[in-house]
Each structure stands twice: as structure tokens, then as C-alpha cells.
């Protein structure tokens, strides 16, 4: 997958738990710094500037049809440093809930789009929104990972919302720490990676925001892949062949899973908390990967082009 380890390029360091990378045509990369509470920009020369101060825990990020940046804010973590590396922990004492935020990239102004969802069982606050992806119709899927506390953990779910703030729906619930979310090239599947189970599941789609549930599955999803051993899954991206490329924790790297789940490859990195990736560069043949515990953004050559995002 990677042509040579020597072709790995470090683009930035000193970041405070980076996630949610978005490659830009000018060569810069937008990303969040969860522990810093910001949407930041890594310039081509490696300089880092703050685009917006968001607070809480900005996590997944994506550009919407209006050119603004939409962000899952997980509400923040307790932070722990061990051996020069940064690790997230439980829900922090100053936690005020999770939300979907939107940022005007020209001004840095931000607003909260959603912080609760109405369901058949009542209205619930978002707990820990984690990752999101827009479809070509202009709506977006997002996961709510939930939060951990000393003696308990939330159950999470998969949601669909519109970028104008008019509609948010709970589509799949419950899931076990859902994290990365992505769409197949034809947008006939939505994929979700669960962190603690190391599983990738997909749901067949009938229309934007509408799943066709598997009749024998408790949550309507189809099992694609389950990782062996100590491997936890974080965020993901899809390449042009429809492969699901999942950032992998503990066995640090990118796990690449074919659409039929039969072919699995692993591209290693040197960070146990490899958390996210996006594609960009010439013909989208570079992977931009966040190495979160060591606070770095790197670039890897990729054998296949990445799938173009709806509004990337």
C-alpha cells in the first residue's frame, strides 16, 4: 500500500490531539485539535493557525454544501499524559454536552446547529458526536460515540441531519461506541466503525437518510469486518475502489477493508492512536493521517485515489 516508509512526510507537529483532517486545494489541511478546542489550519509550510475557538471537544469535520465546516463536538475529555503522549479519558468535570457545530471559514464565526434529537421515546441530548459525512443530496450522517464516566458508559447511535438546522433523526440505536462513518461510491451503503468492538458494519440505503434494514440483524446492519486481537477502530475514509480505510488504535495504522470484507490490509504508523485520515493531493493519491497521541499530521502515498467527497 505504502510505496516506501521513507516517503512518509511529517507535515506538522506539536498539535493537541489532532483529528478530522480536510485537505484543501491550496495545499493546506483543516483539522481539529480536540484537546485545544479548536478548528485549526496546517499550512503547506507546516505553520498552524487557529480558524475557530470551539471549546468542548471538536472531533470529526466535513465541508458542507454552503462551504462552511461542520463539526462533531464530543464535549471534551479528561486528558492524561504518559511517556510524552496524550490520551483522552472520561467525561470531564466541565462537560456541557455534545453538539453539531458549524464554522464560517472566512470569519471564524461558529454556531451550534444541533444539541438534541427527538425520538419515539423522548428528546435526548447529544452525548459525544464523533464523525460525519455529507451525501450528494446535501444531508449528513453522523455518529454519537457517547461518553465514558467512572462507572458507566453511554450507548451510541447513527443519525441523519440537514445542514440548515431543520431536521435531525436517530436512524440506528443502540450501537457500541460508533466512531467513523462513510458512504460507498454509489451512496448505496453507509459504513460505521465501532471503536471497542473493532467492527465495521454497513447499512443498505434506500434513499438519503433512509436505511433498508437487514431482517435478521438486531440493528439492521450487515457485518463487514471484525478485527482480531487488540485492535480498536476510529474514524474512516473510503477510497475510489470502495475500500473502507479505518484508522486503527493499539495496532497503530490504517486498516483497509474491501467492500466484500474479504481482503484486509494494514498500513502501519508509529502512533498507537492513529485516529483519522483524508485523501488529497494530485489525483487524491495522498493520505493525510492524524497521529493523535504524538500530535502530528503526516502524508503517505496511496496506491489508489481517494473517493471524492460530496463537497470536499
Protein backbone atom coordinates (compact mmCIF):
# COMPACT_ATOMS: atom_id res chain seq x y z
CA UNK A 1 0.00 0.00 0.00
CA UNK A 2 2.69 2.48 1.01
CA UNK A 3 5.42 2.71 -1.61
CA UNK A 4 8.20 3.18 0.93
CA UNK A 5 8.37 4.16 4.62
CA UNK A 6 10.83 6.89 3.62
CA UNK A 7 8.04 8.57 1.64
CA UNK A 8 6.11 9.32 4.82
CA UNK A 9 6.27 13.09 5.33
CA UNK A 10 5.58 14.84 8.62
CA UNK A 11 3.58 17.98 7.85
CA UNK A 12 3.06 19.34 11.36
CA UNK A 13 3.89 18.54 14.97
CA UNK A 14 3.01 19.97 18.36
CA UNK A 15 -0.72 19.59 17.70
CA UNK A 16 -3.04 18.94 20.65
CA UNK A 17 -4.67 15.64 19.68
CA UNK A 18 -5.47 16.31 16.00
CA UNK A 19 -8.45 14.72 14.24
CA UNK A 20 -10.89 15.39 11.40
CA UNK A 21 -8.45 16.30 8.56
CA UNK A 22 -9.80 18.01 5.43
CA UNK A 23 -7.35 18.57 2.56
CA UNK A 24 -7.69 21.91 0.75
CA UNK A 25 -6.75 22.68 -2.89
CA UNK A 26 -4.23 25.31 -1.74
CA UNK A 27 -2.25 22.52 -0.04
CA UNK A 28 -3.35 23.35 3.48
CA UNK A 29 -5.18 20.91 5.74
CA UNK A 30 -8.02 21.84 8.05
CA UNK A 31 -8.20 19.75 11.21
CA UNK A 32 -9.46 19.91 14.75
CA UNK A 33 -7.32 19.86 17.86
CA UNK A 34 -9.55 18.13 20.37
CA UNK A 35 -7.50 18.97 23.46
CA UNK A 36 -7.09 22.58 22.32
CA UNK A 37 -10.78 23.01 21.48
CA UNK A 38 -10.08 24.50 18.06
CA UNK A 39 -10.57 24.15 14.35
CA UNK A 40 -7.05 24.75 13.02
CA UNK A 41 -5.31 25.00 9.68
CA UNK A 42 -1.96 23.42 8.83
CA UNK A 43 -0.31 25.48 6.11
CA UNK A 44 1.87 23.93 3.38
CA UNK A 45 4.97 25.22 5.21
CA UNK A 46 3.92 23.46 8.43
CA UNK A 47 2.65 26.53 10.21
CA UNK A 48 -0.51 26.10 12.29
CA UNK A 49 -3.17 28.75 12.75
CA UNK A 50 -6.47 28.79 14.61
CA UNK A 51 -9.55 29.14 12.42
CA UNK A 52 -12.12 28.99 15.23
CA UNK A 53 -12.19 28.57 19.01
CA UNK A 54 -14.91 25.98 19.67
CA UNK A 55 -14.39 24.68 23.20
CA UNK A 56 -15.50 21.26 24.36
CA UNK A 57 -14.04 18.57 22.11
CA UNK A 58 -14.24 19.26 18.37
CA UNK A 59 -13.86 15.89 16.64
CA UNK A 60 -14.93 14.90 13.10
CA UNK A 61 -15.18 17.66 10.48
CA UNK A 62 -16.53 17.98 6.93
CA UNK A 63 -17.28 20.74 4.43
CA UNK A 64 -20.96 21.26 3.67
CA UNK A 65 -22.82 22.42 0.56
CA UNK A 66 -22.61 26.06 1.72
CA UNK A 67 -18.81 25.93 2.04
CA UNK A 68 -18.91 26.07 5.83
CA UNK A 69 -17.19 23.49 8.03
CA UNK A 70 -19.47 21.20 10.04
CA UNK A 71 -18.02 19.72 13.21
CA UNK A 72 -18.98 16.99 15.66
CA UNK A 73 -18.19 18.28 19.14
CA UNK A 74 -17.90 15.45 21.66
CA UNK A 75 -17.99 17.74 24.70
CA UNK A 76 -14.38 17.15 25.72
CA UNK A 77 -12.36 14.65 27.76
CA UNK A 78 -10.20 14.37 30.82
CA UNK A 79 -6.65 14.34 29.45
CA UNK A 80 -3.69 12.23 30.56
CA UNK A 81 -0.04 12.45 29.53
CA UNK A 82 2.05 9.29 29.64
CA UNK A 83 5.52 8.93 28.21
CA UNK A 84 5.24 12.16 26.27
CA UNK A 85 1.97 11.08 24.65
CA UNK A 86 -1.51 12.49 25.15
CA UNK A 87 -4.51 10.23 25.84
CA UNK A 88 -8.22 11.05 26.24
CA UNK A 89 -10.10 9.75 29.26
CA UNK A 90 -13.55 10.03 30.80
CA UNK A 91 -16.14 12.77 30.60
CA UNK A 92 -14.60 15.93 32.11
CA UNK A 93 -15.90 17.86 35.10
CA UNK A 94 -16.78 20.86 32.88
CA UNK A 95 -18.71 18.74 30.33
CA UNK A 96 -21.76 20.59 28.96
CA UNK A 97 -22.96 18.07 26.39
CA UNK A 98 -22.24 17.24 22.77
CA UNK A 99 -23.29 19.12 19.65
CA UNK A 100 -23.03 19.65 15.93
CA UNK A 101 -21.35 22.99 15.23
CA UNK A 102 -20.78 24.92 12.02
CA UNK A 103 -17.93 27.34 11.25
CA UNK A 104 -17.71 30.11 8.66
CA UNK A 105 -14.19 29.61 7.33
CA UNK A 106 -13.90 33.24 6.20
CA UNK A 107 -14.70 34.82 9.55
CA UNK A 108 -14.17 32.02 12.08
CA UNK A 109 -17.66 32.60 13.45
CA UNK A 110 -19.29 29.46 14.80
CA UNK A 111 -22.75 28.40 15.92
CA UNK A 112 -24.39 25.32 17.38
CA UNK A 113 -26.66 23.62 14.87
CA UNK A 114 -27.93 20.69 16.96
CA UNK A 115 -27.50 19.59 20.56
CA UNK A 116 -30.51 17.27 20.97
CA UNK A 117 -32.63 14.84 18.98
CA UNK A 118 -36.30 13.89 19.28
CA UNK A 119 -37.03 10.16 19.17
CA UNK A 120 -40.10 7.96 19.67
CA UNK A 121 -39.04 7.62 23.32
CA UNK A 122 -38.49 11.29 24.04
CA UNK A 123 -36.00 14.07 23.34
CA UNK A 124 -32.40 13.36 24.23
CA UNK A 125 -29.25 15.45 24.40
CA UNK A 126 -26.39 14.54 22.11
CA UNK A 127 -23.64 12.99 24.21
CA UNK A 128 -20.45 12.70 22.17
CA UNK A 129 -20.84 13.31 18.41
CA UNK A 130 -17.74 11.88 16.77
CA UNK A 131 -17.64 11.80 12.96
CA UNK A 132 -19.75 12.91 10.00
CA UNK A 133 -20.05 12.62 6.21
CA UNK A 134 -22.19 14.51 3.71
CA UNK A 135 -24.08 12.79 0.92
CA UNK A 136 -24.60 14.31 -2.52
CA UNK A 137 -28.13 15.44 -1.63
CA UNK A 138 -26.68 17.78 1.00
CA UNK A 139 -27.63 15.92 4.18
CA UNK A 140 -25.11 14.38 6.56
CA UNK A 141 -24.72 11.21 8.58
CA UNK A 142 -23.03 11.40 11.96
CA UNK A 143 -22.20 9.08 14.82
CA UNK A 144 -22.67 9.76 18.52
CA UNK A 145 -19.98 7.81 20.37
CA UNK A 146 -21.35 8.64 23.82
CA UNK A 147 -19.22 9.45 26.87
CA UNK A 148 -17.46 7.34 29.49
CA UNK A 149 -17.76 8.01 33.20
CA UNK A 150 -16.08 6.30 36.13
CA UNK A 151 -18.70 3.53 36.48
CA UNK A 152 -20.80 3.72 33.30
CA UNK A 153 -20.77 4.34 29.56
CA UNK A 154 -23.39 5.74 27.15
CA UNK A 155 -24.76 3.75 24.27
CA UNK A 156 -24.30 5.46 20.92
CA UNK A 157 -26.17 5.75 17.63
CA UNK A 158 -26.20 6.79 13.98
CA UNK A 159 -28.02 9.96 12.95
CA UNK A 160 -29.01 11.87 9.81
CA UNK A 161 -29.40 15.65 9.70
CA UNK A 162 -29.78 18.58 7.33
CA UNK A 163 -27.26 21.44 7.31
CA UNK A 164 -29.84 24.21 7.71
CA UNK A 165 -30.77 23.08 11.23
CA UNK A 166 -34.27 21.97 10.21
CA UNK A 167 -34.09 18.21 10.70
CA UNK A 168 -32.20 15.64 12.78
CA UNK A 169 -33.22 11.97 13.07
CA UNK A 170 -31.99 8.99 15.02
CA UNK A 171 -31.67 6.23 12.39
CA UNK A 172 -29.86 3.41 14.24
CA UNK A 173 -29.79 2.88 18.00
CA UNK A 174 -28.11 1.46 20.02
CA UNK A 175 -24.55 0.92 18.82
CA UNK A 176 -21.40 0.23 20.84
CA UNK A 177 -19.18 3.33 20.67
CA UNK A 178 -19.79 4.16 16.98
CA UNK A 179 -16.96 6.24 15.59
CA UNK A 180 -16.02 6.57 11.89
CA UNK A 181 -18.75 6.93 9.26
CA UNK A 182 -18.52 6.91 5.46
CA UNK A 183 -20.51 6.37 2.27
CA UNK A 184 -19.84 3.93 -0.56
CA UNK A 185 -19.07 5.39 -4.01
CA UNK A 186 -22.67 4.89 -5.19
CA UNK A 187 -24.06 6.05 -1.82
CA UNK A 188 -25.98 2.79 -1.50
CA UNK A 189 -24.25 1.94 1.80
CA UNK A 190 -23.35 3.82 4.95
CA UNK A 191 -20.44 2.33 6.90
CA UNK A 192 -19.82 2.71 10.63
CA UNK A 193 -16.77 1.62 12.64
CA UNK A 194 -17.30 0.75 16.30
CA UNK A 195 -14.31 1.52 18.50
CA UNK A 196 -14.37 -1.02 21.30
CA UNK A 197 -15.66 -3.99 19.27
CA UNK A 198 -13.25 -3.40 16.37
CA UNK A 199 -16.12 -3.96 13.94
CA UNK A 200 -17.19 -2.30 10.70
CA UNK A 201 -20.90 -2.56 9.85
CA UNK A 202 -22.85 -1.24 6.89
CA UNK A 203 -26.49 -0.46 6.25
CA UNK A 204 -28.04 -0.57 2.78
CA UNK A 205 -29.63 2.75 1.81
CA UNK A 206 -32.99 3.19 0.09
CA UNK A 207 -32.74 6.99 -0.15
CA UNK A 208 -30.76 9.78 1.50
CA UNK A 209 -31.03 9.22 5.24
CA UNK A 210 -33.15 6.07 4.87
CA UNK A 211 -31.77 2.59 5.60
CA UNK A 212 -33.10 -0.75 4.36
CA UNK A 213 -32.60 -2.90 7.48
CA UNK A 214 -31.28 -6.44 7.41
CA UNK A 215 -34.23 -8.53 8.65
CA UNK A 216 -32.13 -10.76 10.92
CA UNK A 217 -29.86 -8.10 12.38
CA UNK A 218 -30.76 -6.54 15.75
CA UNK A 219 -29.85 -3.07 14.47
CA UNK A 220 -30.49 -3.69 10.77
CA UNK A 221 -26.83 -3.63 9.76
CA UNK A 222 -24.65 -6.04 7.80
CA UNK A 223 -21.34 -7.19 9.31
CA UNK A 224 -18.37 -6.29 7.08
CA UNK A 225 -15.31 -6.99 9.25
CA UNK A 226 -14.27 -7.69 12.81
CA UNK A 227 -10.66 -7.09 13.83
CA UNK A 228 -8.75 -9.81 15.65
CA UNK A 229 -6.76 -9.21 18.81
CA UNK A 230 -6.26 -5.80 20.38
CA UNK A 231 -7.37 -3.50 17.58
CA UNK A 232 -9.82 -0.66 18.10
CA UNK A 233 -11.35 1.31 15.26
CA UNK A 234 -11.54 5.09 14.99
CA UNK A 235 -12.54 7.27 12.03
CA UNK A 236 -12.53 6.17 8.39
CA UNK A 237 -12.37 7.23 4.75
CA UNK A 238 -13.37 5.49 1.51
CA UNK A 239 -11.10 5.12 -1.50
CA UNK A 240 -12.12 5.13 -5.17
CA UNK A 241 -12.39 1.31 -5.24
CA UNK A 242 -14.88 1.41 -2.38
CA UNK A 243 -12.41 0.11 0.20
CA UNK A 244 -13.08 1.16 3.79
CA UNK A 245 -9.88 2.64 5.23
CA UNK A 246 -10.13 2.69 9.02
CA UNK A 247 -7.77 4.45 11.39
CA UNK A 248 -6.73 1.81 13.91
CA UNK A 249 -5.86 2.20 17.59
CA UNK A 250 -3.38 -0.01 19.51
CA UNK A 251 -2.21 -1.65 16.25
CA UNK A 252 -1.50 1.87 15.05
CA UNK A 253 -2.11 2.39 11.36
CA UNK A 254 -4.78 2.21 8.68
CA UNK A 255 -6.78 -1.00 8.19
CA UNK A 256 -8.03 -1.29 4.59
CA UNK A 257 -11.12 -3.49 4.08
CA UNK A 258 -12.54 -4.41 0.68
CA UNK A 259 -16.28 -3.85 0.03
CA UNK A 260 -16.93 -7.59 0.36
CA UNK A 261 -14.93 -7.78 3.58
CA UNK A 262 -12.65 -10.49 2.19
CA UNK A 263 -9.41 -8.56 1.63
CA UNK A 264 -7.86 -6.80 4.59
CA UNK A 265 -4.54 -4.91 4.58
CA UNK A 266 -2.80 -2.90 7.26
CA UNK A 267 -0.65 0.19 6.72
CA UNK A 268 1.35 0.75 9.93
CA UNK A 269 2.24 4.05 11.56
CA UNK A 270 4.30 4.75 14.67
CA UNK A 271 1.43 6.08 16.81
CA UNK A 272 -0.89 3.78 18.76
CA UNK A 273 -3.59 6.45 18.50
CA UNK A 274 -3.83 6.77 14.72
CA UNK A 275 -7.26 8.37 14.58
CA UNK A 276 -8.28 9.63 11.14
CA UNK A 277 -7.34 10.19 7.52
CA UNK A 278 -8.45 12.01 4.41
CA UNK A 279 -7.32 11.89 0.80
CA UNK A 280 -5.91 14.78 -1.21
CA UNK A 281 -3.02 15.98 -3.33
CA UNK A 282 -2.58 15.20 -7.01
CA UNK A 283 -5.41 12.86 -8.09
CA UNK A 284 -6.17 12.28 -4.39
CA UNK A 285 -3.29 9.78 -4.18
CA UNK A 286 -2.03 11.00 -0.83
CA UNK A 287 -3.43 10.06 2.57
CA UNK A 288 -3.25 12.72 5.26
CA UNK A 289 -3.25 10.93 8.62
CA UNK A 290 -3.64 12.26 12.16
CA UNK A 291 -1.29 10.72 14.75
CA UNK A 292 -3.05 11.99 17.81
CA UNK A 293 -1.12 10.87 20.89
CA UNK A 294 2.08 12.37 19.45
CA UNK A 295 0.33 15.44 17.99
CA UNK A 296 1.35 15.05 14.35
CA UNK A 297 -0.11 15.22 10.84
CA UNK A 298 1.63 13.06 8.22
CA UNK A 299 1.25 12.40 4.50
CA UNK A 300 1.52 8.94 2.92
CA UNK A 301 1.45 7.98 -0.76
CA UNK A 302 -1.62 5.84 -1.52
CA UNK A 303 -1.83 3.20 -4.22
CA UNK A 304 -5.40 4.12 -5.18
CA UNK A 305 -7.07 7.53 -5.40
CA UNK A 306 -9.32 8.51 -2.55
CA UNK A 307 -13.03 8.86 -3.19
CA UNK A 308 -14.03 12.48 -3.82
CA UNK A 309 -16.19 13.85 -1.04
CA UNK A 310 -19.56 15.38 -1.89
CA UNK A 311 -18.45 18.92 -1.00
CA UNK A 312 -14.76 18.47 -0.20
